[in-house]
Amino acid sequence: MSRIVVEPDEDAIAGLVHDEAVQADLGDRMKRAEAVAKATAPVDTGEYRSKIHVVEQADLDGARHMDADAEHSIYVEYGTRQTDRNGRRIHLPNHTLGNSLDATGGDHDV
């Protein structure tokens, strides 16, 4: 019986993320995620939603990112531990950015 041995070229695989077509695809996916995030963002003053954007420049490792630059973005995304008199959390997490990545087939770190 023959045995098949596969030895992947790790350097070639790691380099794929820097390919122009791959970066274009990642950019398109991030724009779709941005549209979903803006469509599903909670709105009080509109500042949070207006500050959601894709970071145009990829990281050195090829990763792409979406940000929300409003000062209170972290509280919208992850909530707070603040509670009301009955012990209920006042600001529940919304996970706008994370959910938009999930909805568009992306991957995100929590």
PDB file of N, CA and C in Angstrom:
ATOM      1  N   MET A   1       0.842  -1.170   0.000  1.00  0.00           N
ATOM      2  CA  MET A   1       0.000   0.000   0.000  1.00  0.00           C
ATOM      3  C   MET A   1       0.894   1.243   0.000  1.00  0.00           C
ATOM      4  N   SER A   2       0.584   2.175  -0.846  1.00  0.00           N
ATOM      5  CA  SER A   2       1.362   3.411  -0.942  1.00  0.00           C
ATOM      6  C   SER A   2       0.925   4.393   0.130  1.00  0.00           C
ATOM      7  N   ARG A   3       1.863   5.159   0.542  1.00  0.00           N
ATOM      8  CA  ARG A   3       1.581   6.192   1.515  1.00  0.00           C
ATOM      9  C   ARG A   3       1.845   7.547   0.864  1.00  0.00           C
ATOM     10  N   ILE A   4       0.912   8.459   0.996  1.00  0.00           N
ATOM     11  CA  ILE A   4       1.057   9.785   0.409  1.00  0.00           C
ATOM     12  C   ILE A   4       1.498  10.746   1.501  1.00  0.00           C
ATOM     13  N   VAL A   5       2.549  11.480   1.214  1.00  0.00           N
ATOM     14  CA  VAL A   5       3.060  12.468   2.149  1.00  0.00           C
ATOM     15  C   VAL A   5       2.887  13.849   1.516  1.00  0.00           C
ATOM     16  N   VAL A   6       2.233  14.724   2.249  1.00  0.00           N
ATOM     17  CA  VAL A   6       2.017  16.088   1.770  1.00  0.00           C
ATOM     18  C   VAL A   6       2.855  17.024   2.628  1.00  0.00           C
ATOM     19  N   GLU A   7       3.667  17.815   1.973  1.00  0.00           N
ATOM     20  CA  GLU A   7       4.486  18.792   2.674  1.00  0.00           C
ATOM     21  C   GLU A   7       4.135  20.180   2.144  1.00  0.00           C
ATOM     22  N   PRO A   8       3.231  20.864   2.826  1.00  0.00           N
ATOM     23  CA  PRO A   8       2.814  22.182   2.335  1.00  0.00           C
ATOM     24  C   PRO A   8       3.956  23.201   2.415  1.00  0.00           C
ATOM     25  N   ASP A   9       3.968  24.099   1.469  1.00  0.00           N
ATOM     26  CA  ASP A   9       4.940  25.185   1.444  1.00  0.00           C
ATOM     27  C   ASP A   9       4.402  26.302   2.331  1.00  0.00           C
ATOM     28  N   GLU A  10       4.786  26.302   3.588  1.00  0.00           N
ATOM     29  CA  GLU A  10       4.263  27.250   4.574  1.00  0.00           C
ATOM     30  C   GLU A  10       4.522  28.697   4.175  1.00  0.00           C
ATOM     31  N   ASP A  11       5.687  28.986   3.606  1.00  0.00           N
ATOM     32  CA  ASP A  11       5.998  30.355   3.200  1.00  0.00           C
ATOM     33  C   ASP A  11       5.074  30.819   2.076  1.00  0.00           C
ATOM     34  N   ALA A  12       4.812  29.932   1.123  1.00  0.00           N
ATOM     35  CA  ALA A  12       3.923  30.287   0.009  1.00  0.00           C
ATOM     36  C   ALA A  12       2.503  30.522   0.520  1.00  0.00           C
ATOM     37  N   ILE A  13       2.057  29.678   1.428  1.00  0.00           N
ATOM     38  CA  ILE A  13       0.710  29.833   1.989  1.00  0.00           C
ATOM     39  C   ILE A  13       0.611  31.141   2.774  1.00  0.00           C
ATOM     40  N   ALA A  14       1.613  31.435   3.591  1.00  0.00           N
ATOM     41  CA  ALA A  14       1.610  32.674   4.375  1.00  0.00           C
ATOM     42  C   ALA A  14       1.633  33.899   3.466  1.00  0.00           C
ATOM     43  N   GLY A  15       2.274  33.792   2.324  1.00  0.00           N
ATOM     44  CA  GLY A  15       2.373  34.912   1.401  1.00  0.00           C
ATOM     45  C   GLY A  15       1.100  35.181   0.618  1.00  0.00           C
ATOM     46  N   LEU A  16       0.181  34.225   0.576  1.00  0.00           N
ATOM     47  CA  LEU A  16      -1.049  34.411  -0.191  1.00  0.00           C
ATOM     48  C   LEU A  16      -1.862  35.619   0.267  1.00  0.00           C
ATOM     49  N   VAL A  17      -1.832  35.891   1.550  1.00  0.00           N
ATOM     50  CA  VAL A  17      -2.630  36.998   2.075  1.00  0.00           C
ATOM     51  C   VAL A  17      -2.181  38.340   1.492  1.00  0.00           C
ATOM     52  N   HIS A  18      -0.962  38.418   1.004  1.00  0.00           N
ATOM     53  CA  HIS A  18      -0.455  39.660   0.423  1.00  0.00           C
ATOM     54  C   HIS A  18      -0.738  39.762  -1.070  1.00  0.00           C
ATOM     55  N   ASP A  19      -1.281  38.709  -1.657  1.00  0.00           N
ATOM     56  CA  ASP A  19      -1.624  38.720  -3.078  1.00  0.00           C
ATOM     57  C   ASP A  19      -2.658  39.809  -3.341  1.00  0.00           C
ATOM     58  N   GLU A  20      -2.515  40.523  -4.442  1.00  0.00           N
ATOM     59  CA  GLU A  20      -3.407  41.638  -4.777  1.00  0.00           C
ATOM     60  C   GLU A  20      -4.876  41.207  -4.838  1.00  0.00           C
ATOM     61  N   ALA A  21      -5.142  40.048  -5.442  1.00  0.00           N
ATOM     62  CA  ALA A  21      -6.522  39.564  -5.560  1.00  0.00           C
ATOM     63  C   ALA A  21      -7.096  39.193  -4.194  1.00  0.00           C
ATOM     64  N   VAL A  22      -6.274  38.614  -3.345  1.00  0.00           N
ATOM     65  CA  VAL A  22      -6.732  38.250  -1.999  1.00  0.00           C
ATOM     66  C   VAL A  22      -7.023  39.513  -1.197  1.00  0.00           C
ATOM     67  N   GLN A  23      -6.163  40.504  -1.285  1.00  0.00           N
ATOM     68  CA  GLN A  23      -6.388  41.759  -0.569  1.00  0.00           C
ATOM     69  C   GLN A  23      -7.642  42.467  -1.085  1.00  0.00           C
ATOM     70  N   ALA A  24      -7.875  42.402  -2.391  1.00  0.00           N
ATOM     71  CA  ALA A  24      -9.090  43.010  -2.958  1.00  0.00           C
ATOM     72  C   ALA A  24     -10.328  42.306  -2.420  1.00  0.00           C
ATOM     73  N   ASP A  25     -10.277  40.978  -2.348  1.00  0.00           N
ATOM     74  CA  ASP A  25     -11.403  40.214  -1.813  1.00  0.00           C
ATOM     75  C   ASP A  25     -11.633  40.551  -0.340  1.00  0.00           C
ATOM     76  N   LEU A  26     -10.561  40.626   0.431  1.00  0.00           N
ATOM     77  CA  LEU A  26     -10.696  40.986   1.850  1.00  0.00           C
ATOM     78  C   LEU A  26     -11.286  42.384   1.997  1.00  0.00           C
ATOM     79  N   GLY A  27     -10.846  43.308   1.160  1.00  0.00           N
ATOM     80  CA  GLY A  27     -11.387  44.669   1.197  1.00  0.00           C
ATOM     81  C   GLY A  27     -12.877  44.686   0.896  1.00  0.00           C
ATOM     82  N   ASP A  28     -13.300  43.905  -0.119  1.00  0.00           N
ATOM     83  CA  ASP A  28     -14.723  43.818  -0.452  1.00  0.00           C
ATOM     84  C   ASP A  28     -15.530  43.232   0.705  1.00  0.00           C
ATOM     85  N   ARG A  29     -14.994  42.194   1.323  1.00  0.00           N
ATOM     86  CA  ARG A  29     -15.688  41.575   2.461  1.00  0.00           C
ATOM     87  C   ARG A  29     -15.813  42.558   3.628  1.00  0.00           C
ATOM     88  N   MET A  30     -14.759  43.328   3.852  1.00  0.00           N
ATOM     89  CA  MET A  30     -14.801  44.299   4.946  1.00  0.00           C
ATOM     90  C   MET A  30     -15.811  45.398   4.653  1.00  0.00           C
ATOM     91  N   LYS A  31     -15.941  45.826   3.408  1.00  0.00           N
ATOM     92  CA  LYS A  31     -16.939  46.844   3.054  1.00  0.00           C
ATOM     93  C   LYS A  31     -18.357  46.312   3.286  1.00  0.00           C
ATOM     94  N   ARG A  32     -18.578  45.023   2.981  1.00  0.00           N
ATOM     95  CA  ARG A  32     -19.896  44.428   3.256  1.00  0.00           C
ATOM     96  C   ARG A  32     -20.146  44.378   4.762  1.00  0.00           C
ATOM     97  N   ALA A  33     -19.112  44.016   5.526  1.00  0.00           N
ATOM     98  CA  ALA A  33     -19.245  43.969   6.985  1.00  0.00           C
ATOM     99  C   ALA A  33     -19.533  45.365   7.534  1.00  0.00           C
ATOM    100  N   GLU A  34     -18.892  46.378   6.969  1.00  0.00           N
ATOM    101  CA  GLU A  34     -19.134  47.755   7.392  1.00  0.00           C
ATOM    102  C   GLU A  34     -20.592  48.147   7.134  1.00  0.00           C
ATOM    103  N   ALA A  35     -21.118  47.767   5.982  1.00  0.00           N
ATOM    104  CA  ALA A  35     -22.516  48.086   5.654  1.00  0.00           C
ATOM    105  C   ALA A  35     -23.468  47.410   6.628  1.00  0.00           C
ATOM    106  N   VAL A  36     -23.204  46.151   6.984  1.00  0.00           N
ATOM    107  CA  VAL A  36     -24.043  45.435   7.946  1.00  0.00           C
ATOM    108  C   VAL A  36     -23.939  46.105   9.316  1.00  0.00           C
ATOM    109  N   ALA A  37     -22.728  46.464   9.724  1.00  0.00           N
ATOM    110  CA  ALA A  37     -22.538  47.104  11.034  1.00  0.00           C
ATOM    111  C   ALA A  37     -23.315  48.413  11.111  1.00  0.00           C
ATOM    112  N   LYS A  38     -23.242  49.224  10.059  1.00  0.00           N
ATOM    113  CA  LYS A  38     -23.958  50.504  10.067  1.00  0.00           C
ATOM    114  C   LYS A  38     -25.471  50.299  10.045  1.00  0.00           C
ATOM    115  N   ALA A  39     -25.917  49.247   9.352  1.00  0.00           N
ATOM    116  CA  ALA A  39     -27.357  48.980   9.278  1.00  0.00           C
ATOM    117  C   ALA A  39     -27.916  48.449  10.596  1.00  0.00           C
ATOM    118  N   THR A  40     -27.080  47.806  11.400  1.00  0.00           N
ATOM    119  CA  THR A  40     -27.555  47.179  12.629  1.00  0.00           C
ATOM    120  C   THR A  40     -27.096  47.901  13.896  1.00  0.00           C
ATOM    121  N   ALA A  41     -26.319  48.963  13.744  1.00  0.00           N
ATOM    122  CA  ALA A  41     -25.802  49.696  14.907  1.00  0.00           C
ATOM    123  C   ALA A  41     -26.937  50.365  15.670  1.00  0.00           C
ATOM    124  N   PRO A  42     -26.893  50.326  16.996  1.00  0.00           N
ATOM    125  CA  PRO A  42     -27.880  51.065  17.773  1.00  0.00           C
ATOM    126  C   PRO A  42     -27.634  52.556  17.594  1.00  0.00           C
ATOM    127  N   VAL A  43     -28.707  53.327  17.538  1.00  0.00           N
ATOM    128  CA  VAL A  43     -28.567  54.766  17.291  1.00  0.00           C
ATOM    129  C   VAL A  43     -29.249  55.553  18.405  1.00  0.00           C
ATOM    130  N   ASP A  44     -28.470  56.393  19.040  1.00  0.00           N
ATOM    131  CA  ASP A  44     -29.018  57.361  19.987  1.00  0.00           C
ATOM    132  C   ASP A  44     -28.767  58.736  19.374  1.00  0.00           C
ATOM    133  N   THR A  45     -27.498  59.114  19.314  1.00  0.00           N
ATOM    134  CA  THR A  45     -27.148  60.384  18.669  1.00  0.00           C
ATOM    135  C   THR A  45     -26.682  60.171  17.226  1.00  0.00           C
ATOM    136  N   GLY A  46     -26.312  58.941  16.874  1.00  0.00           N
ATOM    137  CA  GLY A  46     -25.798  58.642  15.540  1.00  0.00           C
ATOM    138  C   GLY A  46     -24.285  58.684  15.450  1.00  0.00           C
ATOM    139  N   GLU A  47     -23.622  59.130  16.525  1.00  0.00           N
ATOM    140  CA  GLU A  47     -22.168  59.243  16.501  1.00  0.00           C
ATOM    141  C   GLU A  47     -21.501  57.883  16.328  1.00  0.00           C
ATOM    142  N   TYR A  48     -21.937  56.889  17.090  1.00  0.00           N
ATOM    143  CA  TYR A  48     -21.325  55.559  16.993  1.00  0.00           C
ATOM    144  C   TYR A  48     -21.404  55.038  15.561  1.00  0.00           C
ATOM    145  N   ARG A  49     -22.587  55.054  14.986  1.00  0.00           N
ATOM    146  CA  ARG A  49     -22.774  54.537  13.626  1.00  0.00           C
ATOM    147  C   ARG A  49     -21.918  55.306  12.624  1.00  0.00           C
ATOM    148  N   SER A  50     -21.849  56.609  12.773  1.00  0.00           N
ATOM    149  CA  SER A  50     -21.090  57.422  11.818  1.00  0.00           C
ATOM    150  C   SER A  50     -19.591  57.196  11.910  1.00  0.00           C
ATOM    151  N   LYS A  51     -19.118  56.652  13.023  1.00  0.00           N
ATOM    152  CA  LYS A  51     -17.681  56.435  13.216  1.00  0.00           C
ATOM    153  C   LYS A  51     -17.238  55.010  12.851  1.00  0.00           C
ATOM    154  N   ILE A  52     -18.155  54.177  12.377  1.00  0.00           N
ATOM    155  CA  ILE A  52     -17.791  52.829  11.930  1.00  0.00           C
ATOM    156  C   ILE A  52     -17.165  52.940  10.551  1.00  0.00           C
ATOM    157  N   HIS A  53     -15.981  52.366  10.394  1.00  0.00           N
ATOM    158  CA  HIS A  53     -15.298  52.418   9.095  1.00  0.00           C
ATOM    159  C   HIS A  53     -14.268  51.294   8.962  1.00  0.00           C
ATOM    160  N   VAL A  54     -13.978  50.965   7.726  1.00  0.00           N
ATOM    161  CA  VAL A  54     -12.926  49.990   7.432  1.00  0.00           C
ATOM    162  C   VAL A  54     -11.601  50.732   7.405  1.00  0.00           C
ATOM    163  N   VAL A  55     -10.610  50.177   8.056  1.00  0.00           N
ATOM    164  CA  VAL A  55      -9.260  50.736   8.001  1.00  0.00           C
ATOM    165  C   VAL A  55      -8.699  50.360   6.635  1.00  0.00           C
ATOM    166  N   GLU A  56      -8.401  51.355   5.826  1.00  0.00           N
ATOM    167  CA  GLU A  56      -8.029  51.111   4.426  1.00  0.00           C
ATOM    168  C   GLU A  56      -6.707  50.360   4.274  1.00  0.00           C
ATOM    169  N   GLN A  57      -5.744  50.650   5.112  1.00  0.00           N
ATOM    170  CA  GLN A  57      -4.429  50.024   4.992  1.00  0.00           C
ATOM    171  C   GLN A  57      -4.386  48.706   5.759  1.00  0.00           C
ATOM    172  N   ALA A  58      -3.989  47.638   5.087  1.00  0.00           N
ATOM    173  CA  ALA A  58      -3.837  46.340   5.754  1.00  0.00           C
ATOM    174  C   ALA A  58      -2.624  46.386   6.683  1.00  0.00           C
ATOM    175  N   ASP A  59      -2.652  45.562   7.719  1.00  0.00           N
ATOM    176  CA  ASP A  59      -1.495  45.413   8.597  1.00  0.00           C
ATOM    177  C   ASP A  59      -0.341  44.783   7.821  1.00  0.00           C
ATOM    178  N   LEU A  60       0.840  44.794   8.403  1.00  0.00           N
ATOM    179  CA  LEU A  60       1.999  44.183   7.748  1.00  0.00           C
ATOM    180  C   LEU A  60       1.786  42.697   7.468  1.00  0.00           C
ATOM    181  N   ASP A  61       0.978  42.040   8.317  1.00  0.00           N
ATOM    182  CA  ASP A  61       0.711  40.610   8.109  1.00  0.00           C
ATOM    183  C   ASP A  61      -0.466  40.379   7.156  1.00  0.00           C
ATOM    184  N   GLY A  62      -1.028  41.461   6.588  1.00  0.00           N
ATOM    185  CA  GLY A  62      -2.114  41.338   5.629  1.00  0.00           C
ATOM    186  C   GLY A  62      -3.509  41.405   6.230  1.00  0.00           C
ATOM    187  N   ALA A  63      -3.599  41.464   7.557  1.00  0.00           N
ATOM    188  CA  ALA A  63      -4.909  41.505   8.219  1.00  0.00           C
ATOM    189  C   ALA A  63      -5.621  42.813   7.903  1.00  0.00           C
ATOM    190  N   ARG A  64      -6.943  42.741   7.813  1.00  0.00           N
ATOM    191  CA  ARG A  64      -7.780  43.920   7.576  1.00  0.00           C
ATOM    192  C   ARG A  64      -8.646  44.144   8.807  1.00  0.00           C
ATOM    193  N   HIS A  65      -9.011  45.395   9.066  1.00  0.00           N
ATOM    194  CA  HIS A  65      -9.747  45.734  10.281  1.00  0.00           C
ATOM    195  C   HIS A  65     -10.888  46.708  10.008  1.00  0.00           C
ATOM    196  N   MET A  66     -11.861  46.653  10.899  1.00  0.00           N
ATOM    197  CA  MET A  66     -12.953  47.619  10.916  1.00  0.00           C
ATOM    198  C   MET A  66     -12.938  48.247  12.310  1.00  0.00           C
ATOM    199  N   ASP A  67     -13.171  49.538  12.379  1.00  0.00           N
ATOM    200  CA  ASP A  67     -13.135  50.268  13.642  1.00  0.00           C
ATOM    201  C   ASP A  67     -14.409  51.076  13.836  1.00  0.00           C
ATOM    202  N   ALA A  68     -14.656  51.413  15.081  1.00  0.00           N
ATOM    203  CA  ALA A  68     -15.664  52.412  15.437  1.00  0.00           C
ATOM    204  C   ALA A  68     -14.933  53.370  16.365  1.00  0.00           C
ATOM    205  N   ASP A  69     -14.719  54.600  15.915  1.00  0.00           N
ATOM    206  CA  ASP A  69     -13.858  55.536  16.627  1.00  0.00           C
ATOM    207  C   ASP A  69     -14.548  56.445  17.633  1.00  0.00           C
ATOM    208  N   ALA A  70     -15.836  56.268  17.871  1.00  0.00           N
ATOM    209  CA  ALA A  70     -16.509  57.082  18.892  1.00  0.00           C
ATOM    210  C   ALA A  70     -15.940  56.697  20.260  1.00  0.00           C
ATOM    211  N   GLU A  71     -15.846  57.660  21.154  1.00  0.00           N
ATOM    212  CA  GLU A  71     -15.274  57.386  22.475  1.00  0.00           C
ATOM    213  C   GLU A  71     -16.023  56.285  23.218  1.00  0.00           C
ATOM    214  N   HIS A  72     -17.310  56.167  22.991  1.00  0.00           N
ATOM    215  CA  HIS A  72     -18.119  55.187  23.720  1.00  0.00           C
ATOM    216  C   HIS A  72     -18.284  53.863  22.958  1.00  0.00           C
ATOM    217  N   SER A  73     -17.551  53.671  21.879  1.00  0.00           N
ATOM    218  CA  SER A  73     -17.693  52.456  21.056  1.00  0.00           C
ATOM    219  C   SER A  73     -17.470  51.168  21.846  1.00  0.00           C
ATOM    220  N   ILE A  74     -16.500  51.175  22.718  1.00  0.00           N
ATOM    221  CA  ILE A  74     -16.192  49.966  23.496  1.00  0.00           C
ATOM    222  C   ILE A  74     -17.386  49.548  24.348  1.00  0.00           C
ATOM    223  N   TYR A  75     -18.141  50.534  24.849  1.00  0.00           N
ATOM    224  CA  TYR A  75     -19.297  50.237  25.696  1.00  0.00           C
ATOM    225  C   TYR A  75     -20.474  49.726  24.866  1.00  0.00           C
ATOM    226  N   VAL A  76     -20.597  50.232  23.648  1.00  0.00           N
ATOM    227  CA  VAL A  76     -21.654  49.737  22.762  1.00  0.00           C
ATOM    228  C   VAL A  76     -21.353  48.288  22.383  1.00  0.00           C
ATOM    229  N   GLU A  77     -20.111  48.014  22.036  1.00  0.00           N
ATOM    230  CA  GLU A  77     -19.729  46.676  21.581  1.00  0.00           C
ATOM    231  C   GLU A  77     -19.789  45.652  22.712  1.00  0.00           C
ATOM    232  N   TYR A  78     -19.207  45.977  23.869  1.00  0.00           N
ATOM    233  CA  TYR A  78     -19.061  45.001  24.949  1.00  0.00           C
ATOM    234  C   TYR A  78     -19.937  45.243  26.173  1.00  0.00           C
ATOM    235  N   GLY A  79     -20.662  46.350  26.217  1.00  0.00           N
ATOM    236  CA  GLY A  79     -21.504  46.648  27.373  1.00  0.00           C
ATOM    237  C   GLY A  79     -20.686  47.150  28.548  1.00  0.00           C
ATOM    238  N   THR A  80     -21.347  47.316  29.680  1.00  0.00           N
ATOM    239  CA  THR A  80     -20.674  47.746  30.910  1.00  0.00           C
ATOM    240  C   THR A  80     -21.113  46.838  32.046  1.00  0.00           C
ATOM    241  N   ARG A  81     -20.470  46.982  33.159  1.00  0.00           N
ATOM    242  CA  ARG A  81     -20.872  46.226  34.349  1.00  0.00           C
ATOM    243  C   ARG A  81     -21.813  47.039  35.228  1.00  0.00           C
ATOM    244  N   GLN A  82     -22.106  48.251  34.808  1.00  0.00           N
ATOM    245  CA  GLN A  82     -22.997  49.123  35.569  1.00  0.00           C
ATOM    246  C   GLN A  82     -24.387  48.486  35.647  1.00  0.00           C
ATOM    247  N   THR A  83     -25.001  48.539  36.821  1.00  0.00           N
ATOM    248  CA  THR A  83     -26.328  47.938  37.003  1.00  0.00           C
ATOM    249  C   THR A  83     -27.303  48.961  37.579  1.00  0.00           C
ATOM    250  N   ASP A  84     -28.574  48.695  37.362  1.00  0.00           N
ATOM    251  CA  ASP A  84     -29.605  49.557  37.942  1.00  0.00           C
ATOM    252  C   ASP A  84     -29.913  49.096  39.364  1.00  0.00           C
ATOM    253  N   ARG A  85     -30.917  49.691  39.989  1.00  0.00           N
ATOM    254  CA  ARG A  85     -31.246  49.351  41.378  1.00  0.00           C
ATOM    255  C   ARG A  85     -31.681  47.898  41.549  1.00  0.00           C
ATOM    256  N   ASN A  86     -32.130  47.263  40.477  1.00  0.00           N
ATOM    257  CA  ASN A  86     -32.583  45.869  40.545  1.00  0.00           C
ATOM    258  C   ASN A  86     -31.491  44.884  40.155  1.00  0.00           C
ATOM    259  N   GLY A  87     -30.286  45.393  39.944  1.00  0.00           N
ATOM    260  CA  GLY A  87     -29.172  44.516  39.608  1.00  0.00           C
ATOM    261  C   GLY A  87     -29.074  44.155  38.127  1.00  0.00           C
ATOM    262  N   ARG A  88     -29.898  44.775  37.278  1.00  0.00           N
ATOM    263  CA  ARG A  88     -29.833  44.506  35.835  1.00  0.00           C
ATOM    264  C   ARG A  88     -28.781  45.401  35.196  1.00  0.00           C
ATOM    265  N   ARG A  89     -28.058  44.833  34.246  1.00  0.00           N
ATOM    266  CA  ARG A  89     -27.050  45.630  33.534  1.00  0.00           C
ATOM    267  C   ARG A  89     -27.737  46.742  32.746  1.00  0.00           C
ATOM    268  N   ILE A  90     -27.211  47.939  32.860  1.00  0.00           N
ATOM    269  CA  ILE A  90     -27.792  49.093  32.177  1.00  0.00           C
ATOM    270  C   ILE A  90     -27.409  49.104  30.700  1.00  0.00           C
ATOM    271  N   HIS A  91     -26.155  48.822  30.417  1.00  0.00           N
ATOM    272  CA  HIS A  91     -25.682  48.840  29.036  1.00  0.00           C
ATOM    273  C   HIS A  91     -25.257  47.433  28.635  1.00  0.00           C
ATOM    274  N   LEU A  92     -26.168  46.730  27.982  1.00  0.00           N
ATOM    275  CA  LEU A  92     -25.872  45.376  27.531  1.00  0.00           C
ATOM    276  C   LEU A  92     -24.966  45.416  26.301  1.00  0.00           C
ATOM    277  N   PRO A  93     -24.157  44.395  26.098  1.00  0.00           N
ATOM    278  CA  PRO A  93     -23.303  44.377  24.913  1.00  0.00           C
ATOM    279  C   PRO A  93     -24.133  44.263  23.640  1.00  0.00           C
ATOM    280  N   ASN A  94     -23.702  44.954  22.594  1.00  0.00           N
ATOM    281  CA  ASN A  94     -24.402  44.910  21.317  1.00  0.00           C
ATOM    282  C   ASN A  94     -23.663  44.064  20.296  1.00  0.00           C
ATOM    283  N   HIS A  95     -22.339  44.020  20.374  1.00  0.00           N
ATOM    284  CA  HIS A  95     -21.498  43.226  19.454  1.00  0.00           C
ATOM    285  C   HIS A  95     -21.733  43.586  17.990  1.00  0.00           C
ATOM    286  N   THR A  96     -21.943  44.845  17.693  1.00  0.00           N
ATOM    287  CA  THR A  96     -22.219  45.299  16.333  1.00  0.00           C
ATOM    288  C   THR A  96     -21.125  44.881  15.358  1.00  0.00           C
ATOM    289  N   LEU A  97     -19.878  45.170  15.683  1.00  0.00           N
ATOM    290  CA  LEU A  97     -18.785  44.866  14.756  1.00  0.00           C
ATOM    291  C   LEU A  97     -18.578  43.359  14.624  1.00  0.00           C
ATOM    292  N   GLY A  98     -18.548  42.669  15.740  1.00  0.00           N
ATOM    293  CA  GLY A  98     -18.360  41.221  15.705  1.00  0.00           C
ATOM    294  C   GLY A  98     -19.473  40.510  14.953  1.00  0.00           C
ATOM    295  N   ASN A  99     -20.717  40.905  15.212  1.00  0.00           N
ATOM    296  CA  ASN A  99     -21.849  40.273  14.522  1.00  0.00           C
ATOM    297  C   ASN A  99     -21.825  40.554  13.024  1.00  0.00           C
ATOM    298  N   SER A 100     -21.385  41.751  12.632  1.00  0.00           N
ATOM    299  CA  SER A 100     -21.345  42.063  11.200  1.00  0.00           C
ATOM    300  C   SER A 100     -20.292  41.226  10.501  1.00  0.00           C
ATOM    301  N   LEU A 101     -19.186  40.946  11.160  1.00  0.00           N
ATOM    302  CA  LEU A 101     -18.169  40.064  10.572  1.00  0.00           C
ATOM    303  C   LEU A 101     -18.714  38.650  10.437  1.00  0.00           C
ATOM    304  N   ASP A 102     -19.409  38.178  11.458  1.00  0.00           N
ATOM    305  CA  ASP A 102     -20.029  36.851  11.391  1.00  0.00           C
ATOM    306  C   ASP A 102     -21.045  36.786  10.248  1.00  0.00           C
ATOM    307  N   ALA A 103     -21.860  37.815  10.102  1.00  0.00           N
ATOM    308  CA  ALA A 103     -22.918  37.820   9.093  1.00  0.00           C
ATOM    309  C   ALA A 103     -22.382  37.839   7.674  1.00  0.00           C
ATOM    310  N   THR A 104     -21.180  38.352   7.507  1.00  0.00           N
ATOM    311  CA  THR A 104     -20.604  38.444   6.152  1.00  0.00           C
ATOM    312  C   THR A 104     -19.519  37.406   5.921  1.00  0.00           C
ATOM    313  N   GLY A 105     -19.447  36.409   6.802  1.00  0.00           N
ATOM    314  CA  GLY A 105     -18.515  35.311   6.596  1.00  0.00           C
ATOM    315  C   GLY A 105     -17.090  35.609   7.039  1.00  0.00           C
ATOM    316  N   GLY A 106     -16.925  36.623   7.860  1.00  0.00           N
ATOM    317  CA  GLY A 106     -15.586  36.969   8.334  1.00  0.00           C
ATOM    318  C   GLY A 106     -15.249  36.242   9.607  1.00  0.00           C
ATOM    319  N   ASP A 107     -14.103  36.569  10.142  1.00  0.00           N
ATOM    320  CA  ASP A 107     -13.643  35.967  11.375  1.00  0.00           C
ATOM    321  C   ASP A 107     -13.212  37.115  12.268  1.00  0.00           C
ATOM    322  N   HIS A 108     -13.450  37.002  13.558  1.00  0.00           N
ATOM    323  CA  HIS A 108     -13.041  38.062  14.469  1.00  0.00           C
ATOM    324  C   HIS A 108     -12.556  37.479  15.767  1.00  0.00           C
ATOM    325  N   ASP A 109     -11.690  38.259  16.408  1.00  0.00           N
ATOM    326  CA  ASP A 109     -11.189  37.897  17.735  1.00  0.00           C
ATOM    327  C   ASP A 109     -12.066  38.577  18.767  1.00  0.00           C
ATOM    328  N   VAL A 110     -12.351  37.872  19.825  1.00  0.00           N
ATOM    329  CA  VAL A 110     -13.171  38.440  20.885  1.00  0.00           C
ATOM    330  C   VAL A 110     -12.274  39.000  21.946  1.00  0.00           C
TER     331      VAL A 110
END
